[in-house]
Amino acid sequence: MAKGTSKNAKVKDAKAAAESKVWTKVIKAVRSPKSGAYTFKEAIVHKDKVQEYMNQK
């Protein structure tokens, strides 16, 4: 017998799925001033703020 899901659980999951689509994982390569090697900074940023994050120093 299959496990049933309630209507409230489906609505909650749909809202969470819709909200999660506005966030983006951004990976930025940053050069170390001491060694010259690259390191990578990762962040979860709202899709409207990606350019602001990339322009930060």
Protein backbone atom coordinates (compact mmCIF):
# COMPACT_ATOMS: atom_id res chain seq x y z
CA MET A 1 0.00 0.00 0.00
CA ALA A 2 1.44 3.38 -0.99
CA LYS A 3 1.93 6.08 1.56
CA GLY A 4 -0.40 9.02 0.98
CA THR A 5 0.64 12.65 1.33
CA SER A 6 -1.55 15.33 2.72
CA LYS A 7 -2.66 18.36 0.72
CA ASN A 8 -0.82 20.66 3.15
CA ALA A 9 2.49 18.88 2.54
CA LYS A 10 2.13 19.29 -1.22
CA VAL A 11 1.38 23.01 -0.90
CA LYS A 12 4.30 23.52 1.47
CA ASP A 13 6.70 21.71 -0.89
CA ALA A 14 5.48 23.74 -3.88
CA LYS A 15 6.08 27.00 -2.01
CA ALA A 16 9.56 25.89 -0.97
CA ALA A 17 10.38 24.82 -4.53
CA ALA A 18 9.21 28.14 -5.96
CA GLU A 19 11.21 30.10 -3.38
CA SER A 20 14.38 28.08 -3.91
CA LYS A 21 14.49 28.99 -7.60
CA VAL A 22 15.42 32.60 -6.76
CA TRP A 23 18.73 31.58 -5.13
CA THR A 24 21.94 30.83 -7.01
CA LYS A 25 25.23 29.24 -5.99
CA VAL A 26 28.08 31.52 -7.03
CA ILE A 27 31.71 30.40 -7.20
CA LYS A 28 34.28 33.17 -7.42
CA ALA A 29 38.01 32.69 -8.09
CA VAL A 30 40.10 34.94 -5.85
CA ARG A 31 43.84 35.35 -6.27
CA SER A 32 45.95 35.34 -3.10
CA PRO A 33 48.19 38.43 -2.88
CA LYS A 34 50.83 36.50 -0.94
CA SER A 35 51.31 33.36 -3.03
CA GLY A 36 49.50 34.23 -6.26
CA ALA A 37 47.49 31.02 -6.09
CA TYR A 38 43.77 31.02 -6.72
CA THR A 39 41.24 30.09 -4.07
CA PHE A 40 37.53 29.72 -4.61
CA LYS A 41 34.83 31.46 -2.59
CA GLU A 42 31.37 29.93 -2.71
CA ALA A 43 28.15 31.65 -1.68
CA ILE A 44 24.42 31.23 -2.05
CA VAL A 45 23.13 34.57 -3.36
CA HIS A 46 19.73 35.87 -4.44
CA LYS A 47 19.60 35.91 -8.24
CA ASP A 48 19.14 39.70 -8.29
CA LYS A 49 22.35 40.22 -6.24
CA VAL A 50 24.77 38.07 -8.29
CA GLN A 51 26.45 41.00 -10.09
CA GLU A 52 26.90 42.87 -6.79
CA TYR A 53 28.59 39.82 -5.27
CA MET A 54 30.89 39.34 -8.27
CA ASN A 55 31.93 43.03 -8.21
CA GLN A 56 32.93 42.88 -4.51
CA LYS A 57 36.61 42.75 -3.67
